[in-house]
C-alpha atoms as a PDB file:
ATOM      1  CA  UNK A   1    -134.260  98.956   3.984  1.00  0.00           C
ATOM      2  CA  UNK A   2    -131.522 101.564   3.867  1.00  0.00           C
ATOM      3  CA  UNK A   3    -129.040 101.098   1.052  1.00  0.00           C
ATOM      4  CA  UNK A   4    -125.628 102.730   0.782  1.00  0.00           C
ATOM      5  CA  UNK A   5    -125.820 106.505   0.648  1.00  0.00           C
ATOM      6  CA  UNK A   6    -123.379 108.030  -1.798  1.00  0.00           C
ATOM      7  CA  UNK A   7    -121.033 109.942   0.470  1.00  0.00           C
ATOM      8  CA  UNK A   8    -119.683 113.370  -0.638  1.00  0.00           C
ATOM      9  CA  UNK A   9    -116.130 112.045  -0.341  1.00  0.00           C
ATOM     10  CA  UNK A  10    -117.008 109.204  -2.689  1.00  0.00           C
ATOM     11  CA  UNK A  11    -118.448 111.782  -5.070  1.00  0.00           C
ATOM     12  CA  UNK A  12    -115.205 113.746  -4.984  1.00  0.00           C
ATOM     13  CA  UNK A  13    -113.192 110.615  -5.678  1.00  0.00           C
ATOM     14  CA  UNK A  14    -115.559 109.719  -8.502  1.00  0.00           C
ATOM     15  CA  UNK A  15    -115.059 113.167  -9.987  1.00  0.00           C
ATOM     16  CA  UNK A  16    -111.299 112.627  -9.856  1.00  0.00           C
ATOM     17  CA  UNK A  17    -111.808 109.256 -11.476  1.00  0.00           C
ATOM     18  CA  UNK A  18    -113.750 110.858 -14.301  1.00  0.00           C
ATOM     19  CA  UNK A  19    -110.959 113.309 -15.035  1.00  0.00           C
ATOM     20  CA  UNK A  20    -108.368 110.599 -14.518  1.00  0.00           C
ATOM     21  CA  UNK A  21    -110.018 108.297 -17.043  1.00  0.00           C
ATOM     22  CA  UNK A  22    -110.138 111.106 -19.558  1.00  0.00           C
ATOM     23  CA  UNK A  23    -106.529 112.028 -18.813  1.00  0.00           C
ATOM     24  CA  UNK A  24    -105.502 108.425 -19.473  1.00  0.00           C
ATOM     25  CA  UNK A  25    -107.214 108.537 -22.851  1.00  0.00           C
ATOM     26  CA  UNK A  26    -105.508 111.817 -23.619  1.00  0.00           C
ATOM     27  CA  UNK A  27    -102.210 110.261 -22.586  1.00  0.00           C
ATOM     28  CA  UNK A  28    -102.478 107.518 -25.182  1.00  0.00           C
ATOM     29  CA  UNK A  29    -103.127 110.028 -27.917  1.00  0.00           C
ATOM     30  CA  UNK A  30    -106.834 109.690 -28.647  1.00  0.00           C
ATOM     31  CA  UNK A  31    -107.527 113.400 -28.225  1.00  0.00           C
ATOM     32  CA  UNK A  32    -106.360 116.216 -30.446  1.00  0.00           C
ATOM     33  CA  UNK A  33    -103.543 118.649 -29.744  1.00  0.00           C
ATOM     34  CA  UNK A  34    -104.973 121.650 -27.865  1.00  0.00           C
ATOM     35  CA  UNK A  35    -105.275 125.029 -29.532  1.00  0.00           C
ATOM     36  CA  UNK A  36    -106.152 128.426 -28.146  1.00  0.00           C
ATOM     37  CA  UNK A  37    -109.643 127.188 -27.303  1.00  0.00           C
ATOM     38  CA  UNK A  38    -108.453 123.965 -25.725  1.00  0.00           C
ATOM     39  CA  UNK A  39    -108.354 120.328 -26.714  1.00  0.00           C
ATOM     40  CA  UNK A  40    -111.256 118.941 -28.742  1.00  0.00           C
ATOM     41  CA  UNK A  41    -112.301 115.731 -27.032  1.00  0.00           C
ATOM     42  CA  UNK A  42    -113.341 112.869 -29.331  1.00  0.00           C
ATOM     43  CA  UNK A  43    -116.669 111.080 -28.837  1.00  0.00           C
ATOM     44  CA  UNK A  44    -114.964 108.156 -27.048  1.00  0.00           C
ATOM     45  CA  UNK A  45    -113.640 110.432 -24.302  1.00  0.00           C
ATOM     46  CA  UNK A  46    -116.940 112.266 -23.918  1.00  0.00           C
ATOM     47  CA  UNK A  47    -118.852 109.005 -23.717  1.00  0.00           C
ATOM     48  CA  UNK A  48    -116.487 107.830 -20.963  1.00  0.00           C
ATOM     49  CA  UNK A  49    -117.004 111.034 -18.995  1.00  0.00           C
ATOM     50  CA  UNK A  50    -120.776 110.797 -19.231  1.00  0.00           C
ATOM     51  CA  UNK A  51    -120.688 107.126 -18.262  1.00  0.00           C
ATOM     52  CA  UNK A  52    -118.749 107.818 -15.076  1.00  0.00           C
ATOM     53  CA  UNK A  53    -120.905 110.844 -14.331  1.00  0.00           C
ATOM     54  CA  UNK A  54    -123.666 108.381 -13.435  1.00  0.00           C
ATOM     55  CA  UNK A  55    -121.636 107.512 -10.327  1.00  0.00           C
ATOM     56  CA  UNK A  56    -122.117 110.998  -8.873  1.00  0.00           C
ATOM     57  CA  UNK A  57    -125.826 111.173  -7.945  1.00  0.00           C
ATOM     58  CA  UNK A  58    -126.451 109.563  -4.571  1.00  0.00           C
ATOM     59  CA  UNK A  59    -128.612 106.455  -4.213  1.00  0.00           C
ATOM     60  CA  UNK A  60    -132.031 106.836  -2.629  1.00  0.00           C
ATOM     61  CA  UNK A  61    -131.623 105.481   0.909  1.00  0.00           C
ATOM     62  CA  UNK A  62    -135.248 104.276   0.880  1.00  0.00           C
ATOM     63  CA  UNK A  63    -134.732 101.912  -2.043  1.00  0.00           C
ATOM     64  CA  UNK A  64    -132.700  98.707  -1.956  1.00  0.00           C
ATOM     65  CA  UNK A  65    -131.935  98.107  -5.617  1.00  0.00           C
ATOM     66  CA  UNK A  66    -130.488  94.661  -4.890  1.00  0.00           C
ATOM     67  CA  UNK A  67    -133.976  93.381  -4.019  1.00  0.00           C
ATOM     68  CA  UNK A  68    -136.402  95.994  -5.326  1.00  0.00           C
ATOM     69  CA  UNK A  69    -138.964  94.708  -7.825  1.00  0.00           C
ATOM     70  CA  UNK A  70    -140.795  97.989  -8.494  1.00  0.00           C
ATOM     71  CA  UNK A  71    -140.536  98.481 -12.296  1.00  0.00           C
ATOM     72  CA  UNK A  72    -140.655 102.261 -11.876  1.00  0.00           C
ATOM     73  CA  UNK A  73    -137.528 102.298  -9.694  1.00  0.00           C
ATOM     74  CA  UNK A  74    -133.940 101.074 -10.001  1.00  0.00           C
ATOM     75  CA  UNK A  75    -133.930 101.644 -13.759  1.00  0.00           C
ATOM     76  CA  UNK A  76    -130.785 103.786 -13.614  1.00  0.00           C
ATOM     77  CA  UNK A  77    -127.348 102.255 -14.194  1.00  0.00           C
ATOM     78  CA  UNK A  78    -123.952 103.196 -12.775  1.00  0.00           C
ATOM     79  CA  UNK A  79    -120.717 102.790 -14.726  1.00  0.00           C
ATOM     80  CA  UNK A  80    -120.133  99.395 -13.106  1.00  0.00           C
ATOM     81  CA  UNK A  81    -123.523  98.118 -14.231  1.00  0.00           C
ATOM     82  CA  UNK A  82    -125.310  98.157 -10.862  1.00  0.00           C
ATOM     83  CA  UNK A  83    -128.815  99.619 -10.639  1.00  0.00           C
ATOM     84  CA  UNK A  84    -129.709 102.557  -8.443  1.00  0.00           C
ATOM     85  CA  UNK A  85    -132.452 105.094  -7.813  1.00  0.00           C
ATOM     86  CA  UNK A  86    -131.096 108.671  -7.954  1.00  0.00           C
ATOM     87  CA  UNK A  87    -132.132 111.367  -5.515  1.00  0.00           C
ATOM     88  CA  UNK A  88    -131.537 115.096  -5.609  1.00  0.00           C
ATOM     89  CA  UNK A  89    -129.157 115.313  -2.665  1.00  0.00           C
ATOM     90  CA  UNK A  90    -128.763 118.891  -1.466  1.00  0.00           C
ATOM     91  CA  UNK A  91    -126.230 117.811   1.142  1.00  0.00           C
ATOM     92  CA  UNK A  92    -123.985 116.403  -1.577  1.00  0.00           C
ATOM     93  CA  UNK A  93    -124.358 119.592  -3.605  1.00  0.00           C
ATOM     94  CA  UNK A  94    -123.360 121.648  -0.566  1.00  0.00           C
ATOM     95  CA  UNK A  95    -120.291 119.460  -0.038  1.00  0.00           C
ATOM     96  CA  UNK A  96    -119.223 119.910  -3.654  1.00  0.00           C
ATOM     97  CA  UNK A  97    -119.768 123.665  -3.455  1.00  0.00           C
ATOM     98  CA  UNK A  98    -117.978 124.090  -0.145  1.00  0.00           C
ATOM     99  CA  UNK A  99    -115.227 121.645  -1.075  1.00  0.00           C
ATOM    100  CA  UNK A 100    -114.104 121.788  -4.673  1.00  0.00           C
ATOM    101  CA  UNK A 101    -115.473 125.178  -5.727  1.00  0.00           C
ATOM    102  CA  UNK A 102    -114.789 126.983  -2.459  1.00  0.00           C
ATOM    103  CA  UNK A 103    -111.189 125.794  -2.431  1.00  0.00           C
ATOM    104  CA  UNK A 104    -110.334 125.836  -6.113  1.00  0.00           C
ATOM    105  CA  UNK A 105    -112.034 129.131  -6.971  1.00  0.00           C
ATOM    106  CA  UNK A 106    -111.114 131.120  -3.896  1.00  0.00           C
ATOM    107  CA  UNK A 107    -109.698 134.494  -4.949  1.00  0.00           C
ATOM    108  CA  UNK A 108    -106.919 134.087  -2.397  1.00  0.00           C
ATOM    109  CA  UNK A 109    -106.021 130.580  -3.502  1.00  0.00           C
ATOM    110  CA  UNK A 110    -102.284 130.296  -4.219  1.00  0.00           C
ATOM    111  CA  UNK A 111    -102.268 126.594  -5.115  1.00  0.00           C
ATOM    112  CA  UNK A 112    -102.267 127.205  -8.859  1.00  0.00           C
ATOM    113  CA  UNK A 113     -98.601 126.577  -9.635  1.00  0.00           C
ATOM    114  CA  UNK A 114     -99.065 126.850 -13.372  1.00  0.00           C
ATOM    115  CA  UNK A 115     -96.577 124.916 -15.455  1.00  0.00           C
ATOM    116  CA  UNK A 116     -95.519 122.713 -12.558  1.00  0.00           C
ATOM    117  CA  UNK A 117     -96.639 119.286 -11.384  1.00  0.00           C
ATOM    118  CA  UNK A 118     -99.014 119.664  -8.408  1.00  0.00           C
ATOM    119  CA  UNK A 119     -98.396 118.489  -4.911  1.00  0.00           C
ATOM    120  CA  UNK A 120    -100.004 115.220  -3.856  1.00  0.00           C
ATOM    121  CA  UNK A 121    -103.245 116.676  -2.513  1.00  0.00           C
ATOM    122  CA  UNK A 122    -106.938 116.628  -3.365  1.00  0.00           C
ATOM    123  CA  UNK A 123    -106.911 120.384  -3.872  1.00  0.00           C
ATOM    124  CA  UNK A 124    -104.171 120.469  -6.514  1.00  0.00           C
ATOM    125  CA  UNK A 125    -104.786 117.266  -8.459  1.00  0.00           C
ATOM    126  CA  UNK A 126    -108.087 118.336 -10.092  1.00  0.00           C
ATOM    127  CA  UNK A 127    -106.348 121.456 -11.408  1.00  0.00           C
ATOM    128  CA  UNK A 128    -103.564 119.401 -12.933  1.00  0.00           C
ATOM    129  CA  UNK A 129    -105.992 116.900 -14.469  1.00  0.00           C
ATOM    130  CA  UNK A 130    -108.126 119.692 -15.906  1.00  0.00           C
ATOM    131  CA  UNK A 131    -105.064 121.194 -17.572  1.00  0.00           C
ATOM    132  CA  UNK A 132    -103.968 117.780 -18.862  1.00  0.00           C
ATOM    133  CA  UNK A 133    -107.371 116.940 -20.322  1.00  0.00           C
ATOM    134  CA  UNK A 134    -108.304 120.350 -21.714  1.00  0.00           C
ATOM    135  CA  UNK A 135    -104.888 121.757 -22.588  1.00  0.00           C
ATOM    136  CA  UNK A 136    -105.864 124.972 -20.798  1.00  0.00           C
ATOM    137  CA  UNK A 137    -105.031 126.656 -17.516  1.00  0.00           C
ATOM    138  CA  UNK A 138    -108.023 127.211 -15.278  1.00  0.00           C
ATOM    139  CA  UNK A 139    -106.754 130.583 -14.056  1.00  0.00           C
ATOM    140  CA  UNK A 140    -105.020 133.599 -15.547  1.00  0.00           C
ATOM    141  CA  UNK A 141    -102.120 135.613 -14.115  1.00  0.00           C
ATOM    142  CA  UNK A 142    -103.267 138.435 -11.794  1.00  0.00           C
ATOM    143  CA  UNK A 143    -103.653 141.899 -13.274  1.00  0.00           C
ATOM    144  CA  UNK A 144    -103.867 145.256 -11.481  1.00  0.00           C
ATOM    145  CA  UNK A 145    -103.716 143.625  -8.094  1.00  0.00           C
ATOM    146  CA  UNK A 146    -106.589 141.202  -8.753  1.00  0.00           C
ATOM    147  CA  UNK A 147    -105.574 138.052  -6.855  1.00  0.00           C
ATOM    148  CA  UNK A 148    -107.384 135.532  -9.035  1.00  0.00           C
ATOM    149  CA  UNK A 149    -109.020 135.361 -12.445  1.00  0.00           C
ATOM    150  CA  UNK A 150    -110.681 132.419 -14.148  1.00  0.00           C
ATOM    151  CA  UNK A 151    -109.642 131.697 -17.702  1.00  0.00           C
ATOM    152  CA  UNK A 152    -112.721 132.422 -19.878  1.00  0.00           C
ATOM    153  CA  UNK A 153    -111.435 129.933 -22.459  1.00  0.00           C
ATOM    154  CA  UNK A 154    -111.358 127.195 -19.799  1.00  0.00           C
ATOM    155  CA  UNK A 155    -114.953 127.891 -18.760  1.00  0.00           C
ATOM    156  CA  UNK A 156    -116.057 127.927 -22.403  1.00  0.00           C
ATOM    157  CA  UNK A 157    -114.196 124.636 -22.957  1.00  0.00           C
ATOM    158  CA  UNK A 158    -116.001 122.992 -20.053  1.00  0.00           C
ATOM    159  CA  UNK A 159    -119.348 124.102 -21.391  1.00  0.00           C
ATOM    160  CA  UNK A 160    -118.522 122.988 -24.927  1.00  0.00           C
ATOM    161  CA  UNK A 161    -116.769 119.687 -24.239  1.00  0.00           C
ATOM    162  CA  UNK A 162    -118.159 118.374 -20.944  1.00  0.00           C
ATOM    163  CA  UNK A 163    -121.874 119.184 -20.958  1.00  0.00           C
ATOM    164  CA  UNK A 164    -123.897 116.600 -22.898  1.00  0.00           C
ATOM    165  CA  UNK A 165    -126.979 117.492 -24.870  1.00  0.00           C
ATOM    166  CA  UNK A 166    -130.182 116.971 -22.864  1.00  0.00           C
ATOM    167  CA  UNK A 167    -131.088 114.146 -25.254  1.00  0.00           C
ATOM    168  CA  UNK A 168    -127.749 112.352 -24.793  1.00  0.00           C
ATOM    169  CA  UNK A 169    -128.133 108.787 -23.405  1.00  0.00           C
ATOM    170  CA  UNK A 170    -126.956 108.636 -19.788  1.00  0.00           C
ATOM    171  CA  UNK A 171    -127.393 106.153 -16.939  1.00  0.00           C
ATOM    172  CA  UNK A 172    -129.962 104.170 -18.911  1.00  0.00           C
ATOM    173  CA  UNK A 173    -132.046 107.296 -19.522  1.00  0.00           C
ATOM    174  CA  UNK A 174    -131.088 110.721 -20.891  1.00  0.00           C
ATOM    175  CA  UNK A 175    -129.003 113.603 -19.569  1.00  0.00           C
ATOM    176  CA  UNK A 176    -132.208 115.636 -19.174  1.00  0.00           C
ATOM    177  CA  UNK A 177    -133.800 112.896 -17.078  1.00  0.00           C
ATOM    178  CA  UNK A 178    -130.771 112.576 -14.807  1.00  0.00           C
ATOM    179  CA  UNK A 179    -130.794 116.365 -14.333  1.00  0.00           C
ATOM    180  CA  UNK A 180    -134.495 116.372 -13.520  1.00  0.00           C
ATOM    181  CA  UNK A 181    -134.167 113.480 -11.071  1.00  0.00           C
ATOM    182  CA  UNK A 182    -130.810 114.162  -9.401  1.00  0.00           C
ATOM    183  CA  UNK A 183    -129.760 117.776  -9.889  1.00  0.00           C
ATOM    184  CA  UNK A 184    -132.699 120.117 -10.569  1.00  0.00           C
ATOM    185  CA  UNK A 185    -133.589 121.051  -6.991  1.00  0.00           C
ATOM    186  CA  UNK A 186    -130.009 121.535  -5.761  1.00  0.00           C
ATOM    187  CA  UNK A 187    -129.049 123.437  -8.931  1.00  0.00           C
ATOM    188  CA  UNK A 188    -132.017 125.756  -8.538  1.00  0.00           C
ATOM    189  CA  UNK A 189    -130.996 126.351  -4.921  1.00  0.00           C
ATOM    190  CA  UNK A 190    -127.518 127.342  -6.074  1.00  0.00           C
ATOM    191  CA  UNK A 191    -128.741 129.520  -8.961  1.00  0.00           C
ATOM    192  CA  UNK A 192    -131.493 131.232  -6.986  1.00  0.00           C
ATOM    193  CA  UNK A 193    -128.887 132.818  -4.725  1.00  0.00           C
ATOM    194  CA  UNK A 194    -127.076 134.192  -7.780  1.00  0.00           C
ATOM    195  CA  UNK A 195    -130.309 135.601  -9.219  1.00  0.00           C
ATOM    196  CA  UNK A 196    -131.348 137.135  -5.905  1.00  0.00           C
ATOM    197  CA  UNK A 197    -128.018 138.828  -5.214  1.00  0.00           C
ATOM    198  CA  UNK A 198    -127.820 140.170  -8.764  1.00  0.00           C
ATOM    199  CA  UNK A 199    -131.411 141.426  -8.748  1.00  0.00           C
ATOM    200  CA  UNK A 200    -131.018 143.232  -5.432  1.00  0.00           C
ATOM    201  CA  UNK A 201    -127.672 144.740  -6.388  1.00  0.00           C
ATOM    202  CA  UNK A 202    -125.789 142.864  -3.673  1.00  0.00           C
ATOM    203  CA  UNK A 203    -123.239 141.136  -5.904  1.00  0.00           C
ATOM    204  CA  UNK A 204    -120.220 143.257  -5.429  1.00  0.00           C
ATOM    205  CA  UNK A 205    -116.524 143.724  -4.994  1.00  0.00           C
ATOM    206  CA  UNK A 206    -116.844 142.087  -1.619  1.00  0.00           C
ATOM    207  CA  UNK A 207    -114.303 142.530   1.143  1.00  0.00           C
ATOM    208  CA  UNK A 208    -113.105 138.929   1.459  1.00  0.00           C
ATOM    209  CA  UNK A 209    -111.591 139.263   4.940  1.00  0.00           C
ATOM    210  CA  UNK A 210    -114.785 140.833   6.249  1.00  0.00           C
ATOM    211  CA  UNK A 211    -116.921 138.182   4.540  1.00  0.00           C
ATOM    212  CA  UNK A 212    -114.975 135.327   6.138  1.00  0.00           C
ATOM    213  CA  UNK A 213    -115.045 137.020   9.539  1.00  0.00           C
ATOM    214  CA  UNK A 214    -118.790 137.621   9.427  1.00  0.00           C
ATOM    215  CA  UNK A 215    -119.500 134.099   8.269  1.00  0.00           C
ATOM    216  CA  UNK A 216    -117.446 132.723  11.156  1.00  0.00           C
ATOM    217  CA  UNK A 217    -118.983 135.020  13.775  1.00  0.00           C
ATOM    218  CA  UNK A 218    -122.498 134.693  12.294  1.00  0.00           C
ATOM    219  CA  UNK A 219    -123.136 138.414  12.405  1.00  0.00           C
ATOM    220  CA  UNK A 220    -122.648 141.489  10.235  1.00  0.00           C
ATOM    221  CA  UNK A 221    -123.941 142.887   6.956  1.00  0.00           C
ATOM    222  CA  UNK A 222    -123.018 139.966   4.721  1.00  0.00           C
ATOM    223  CA  UNK A 223    -124.342 137.468   7.241  1.00  0.00           C
ATOM    224  CA  UNK A 224    -127.649 139.365   7.575  1.00  0.00           C
ATOM    225  CA  UNK A 225    -128.066 139.458   3.816  1.00  0.00           C
ATOM    226  CA  UNK A 226    -127.633 135.703   3.414  1.00  0.00           C
ATOM    227  CA  UNK A 227    -129.721 134.932   6.490  1.00  0.00           C
ATOM    228  CA  UNK A 228    -132.639 137.028   5.238  1.00  0.00           C
ATOM    229  CA  UNK A 229    -132.477 135.449   1.773  1.00  0.00           C
ATOM    230  CA  UNK A 230    -132.316 131.866   3.053  1.00  0.00           C
ATOM    231  CA  UNK A 231    -135.079 132.445   5.590  1.00  0.00           C
ATOM    232  CA  UNK A 232    -137.412 133.885   2.961  1.00  0.00           C
ATOM    233  CA  UNK A 233    -137.044 130.797   0.743  1.00  0.00           C
ATOM    234  CA  UNK A 234    -136.744 127.998   3.301  1.00  0.00           C
ATOM    235  CA  UNK A 235    -140.231 126.596   2.605  1.00  0.00           C
ATOM    236  CA  UNK A 236    -139.099 125.541  -0.868  1.00  0.00           C
ATOM    237  CA  UNK A 237    -135.357 124.965  -0.480  1.00  0.00           C
ATOM    238  CA  UNK A 238    -132.905 123.924   2.221  1.00  0.00           C
ATOM    239  CA  UNK A 239    -132.148 126.967   4.373  1.00  0.00           C
ATOM    240  CA  UNK A 240    -128.559 125.837   4.955  1.00  0.00           C
ATOM    241  CA  UNK A 241    -127.956 125.209   1.247  1.00  0.00           C
ATOM    242  CA  UNK A 242    -129.405 128.621   0.379  1.00  0.00           C
ATOM    243  CA  UNK A 243    -127.077 130.333   2.867  1.00  0.00           C
ATOM    244  CA  UNK A 244    -124.044 128.422   1.574  1.00  0.00           C
ATOM    245  CA  UNK A 245    -124.947 129.359  -2.001  1.00  0.00           C
ATOM    246  CA  UNK A 246    -125.361 132.993  -1.002  1.00  0.00           C
ATOM    247  CA  UNK A 247    -121.894 133.069   0.544  1.00  0.00           C
ATOM    248  CA  UNK A 248    -120.444 131.248  -2.466  1.00  0.00           C
ATOM    249  CA  UNK A 249    -121.645 133.959  -4.850  1.00  0.00           C
ATOM    250  CA  UNK A 250    -120.616 136.772  -2.521  1.00  0.00           C
ATOM    251  CA  UNK A 251    -117.167 135.211  -2.456  1.00  0.00           C
ATOM    252  CA  UNK A 252    -117.134 135.309  -6.264  1.00  0.00           C
ATOM    253  CA  UNK A 253    -117.825 139.010  -5.911  1.00  0.00           C
ATOM    254  CA  UNK A 254    -114.450 139.340  -4.192  1.00  0.00           C
ATOM    255  CA  UNK A 255    -112.673 138.341  -7.396  1.00  0.00           C
ATOM    256  CA  UNK A 256    -113.075 138.740 -11.139  1.00  0.00           C
ATOM    257  CA  UNK A 257    -114.382 135.181 -11.543  1.00  0.00           C
ATOM    258  CA  UNK A 258    -118.025 136.208 -11.168  1.00  0.00           C
ATOM    259  CA  UNK A 259    -118.883 136.953 -14.852  1.00  0.00           C
ATOM    260  CA  UNK A 260    -117.543 133.637 -16.175  1.00  0.00           C
ATOM    261  CA  UNK A 261    -119.253 131.520 -13.529  1.00  0.00           C
ATOM    262  CA  UNK A 262    -122.515 133.457 -13.830  1.00  0.00           C
ATOM    263  CA  UNK A 263    -122.502 132.981 -17.611  1.00  0.00           C
ATOM    264  CA  UNK A 264    -121.774 129.272 -17.264  1.00  0.00           C
ATOM    265  CA  UNK A 265    -124.619 128.881 -14.761  1.00  0.00           C
ATOM    266  CA  UNK A 266    -127.018 130.757 -17.047  1.00  0.00           C
ATOM    267  CA  UNK A 267    -126.061 128.726 -20.114  1.00  0.00           C
ATOM    268  CA  UNK A 268    -126.421 125.484 -18.195  1.00  0.00           C
ATOM    269  CA  UNK A 269    -129.900 126.420 -16.970  1.00  0.00           C
ATOM    270  CA  UNK A 270    -130.979 127.633 -20.409  1.00  0.00           C
ATOM    271  CA  UNK A 271    -130.153 124.167 -21.729  1.00  0.00           C
ATOM    272  CA  UNK A 272    -131.523 121.959 -18.946  1.00  0.00           C
ATOM    273  CA  UNK A 273    -134.018 124.115 -17.043  1.00  0.00           C
ATOM    274  CA  UNK A 274    -135.360 126.697 -19.533  1.00  0.00           C
ATOM    275  CA  UNK A 275    -138.438 127.692 -17.512  1.00  0.00           C
ATOM    276  CA  UNK A 276    -136.416 128.472 -14.390  1.00  0.00           C
ATOM    277  CA  UNK A 277    -133.836 130.259 -16.539  1.00  0.00           C
ATOM    278  CA  UNK A 278    -136.482 132.420 -18.237  1.00  0.00           C
ATOM    279  CA  UNK A 279    -137.839 133.512 -14.848  1.00  0.00           C
ATOM    280  CA  UNK A 280    -134.421 134.817 -13.757  1.00  0.00           C
ATOM    281  CA  UNK A 281    -132.787 135.584 -17.127  1.00  0.00           C
ATOM    282  CA  UNK A 282    -132.393 139.324 -16.475  1.00  0.00           C
ATOM    283  CA  UNK A 283    -130.719 138.720 -13.125  1.00  0.00           C
ATOM    284  CA  UNK A 284    -128.333 136.161 -14.621  1.00  0.00           C
ATOM    285  CA  UNK A 285    -127.440 138.620 -17.390  1.00  0.00           C
ATOM    286  CA  UNK A 286    -126.778 141.318 -14.814  1.00  0.00           C
ATOM    287  CA  UNK A 287    -124.476 139.005 -12.854  1.00  0.00           C
ATOM    288  CA  UNK A 288    -122.633 137.958 -16.021  1.00  0.00           C
ATOM    289  CA  UNK A 289    -121.994 141.617 -16.834  1.00  0.00           C
ATOM    290  CA  UNK A 290    -120.781 142.428 -13.315  1.00  0.00           C
ATOM    291  CA  UNK A 291    -117.418 144.109 -12.864  1.00  0.00           C
ATOM    292  CA  UNK A 292    -117.311 146.248  -9.734  1.00  0.00           C
ATOM    293  CA  UNK A 293    -120.898 146.771  -8.471  1.00  0.00           C
ATOM    294  CA  UNK A 294    -121.483 148.334  -5.083  1.00  0.00           C
ATOM    295  CA  UNK A 295    -122.456 145.987  -2.260  1.00  0.00           C
ATOM    296  CA  UNK A 296    -125.089 147.363   0.067  1.00  0.00           C
ATOM    297  CA  UNK A 297    -124.873 145.154   3.137  1.00  0.00           C
ATOM    298  CA  UNK A 298    -127.567 145.249   5.769  1.00  0.00           C
ATOM    299  CA  UNK A 299    -126.436 146.963   8.967  1.00  0.00           C
ATOM    300  CA  UNK A 300    -125.225 144.904  11.895  1.00  0.00           C
ATOM    301  CA  UNK A 301    -127.717 144.611  14.703  1.00  0.00           C
END
């Protein structure tokens, strides 16, 4: 019997709910005043975030947890108390990448009206809630013509305050178990593209207009690079997810946000997926140290 499948839109709303719940706690004064490194969240806030994070992984559509009696399944618990069986949903990961990250971290994004209340839209509200909860701006003012820069302090805050220890109780299991069951495959898909592009020297100061044009027309140097990478790894990972991840990291190469995001990805993997991290550690380090490498796109056929 097919149960409800956790829709990407529901995941986005759940993510907003997570930040909203934390913002409410901040609003009633249970979190400290932010300093230069951001607001230190108390255990109560962190526990709330991790509780609601169990709403994000999609339910396995082959398991009906309202009737299932298999003791090895339906042992995971959402924030509302209902049981579910998590599945590593690459489609959901692609939606999150293409939605939140693609929009919020675009180097041409002009929606960051720092110091002002955001417009009533899904794109602006997460930025406002992040600033309210952390006490930090997600982006920095442009310098030397760079259109967009992530705030390193904001990325460090997210890693320090939002990522639980692998042994932390979560969803009736541990954070490590929920990663292994619901996020490992899609995370490796995402990170493999970063490692590949860094290793081959293709992470670069990408021409954003050309990248968007080639992605839309499905031809050109950038397109050929991502197509070759995804095709070579399609037996293990989703070809579409690999291509999307490739374009995501190339897009980071069009701005100065690449080092911070590459470092965050590496630190996350070192904590939750140490074997995979060790295999690609040198490539992750190269990406984290990137400034203005030279992109060598494959010629258009």
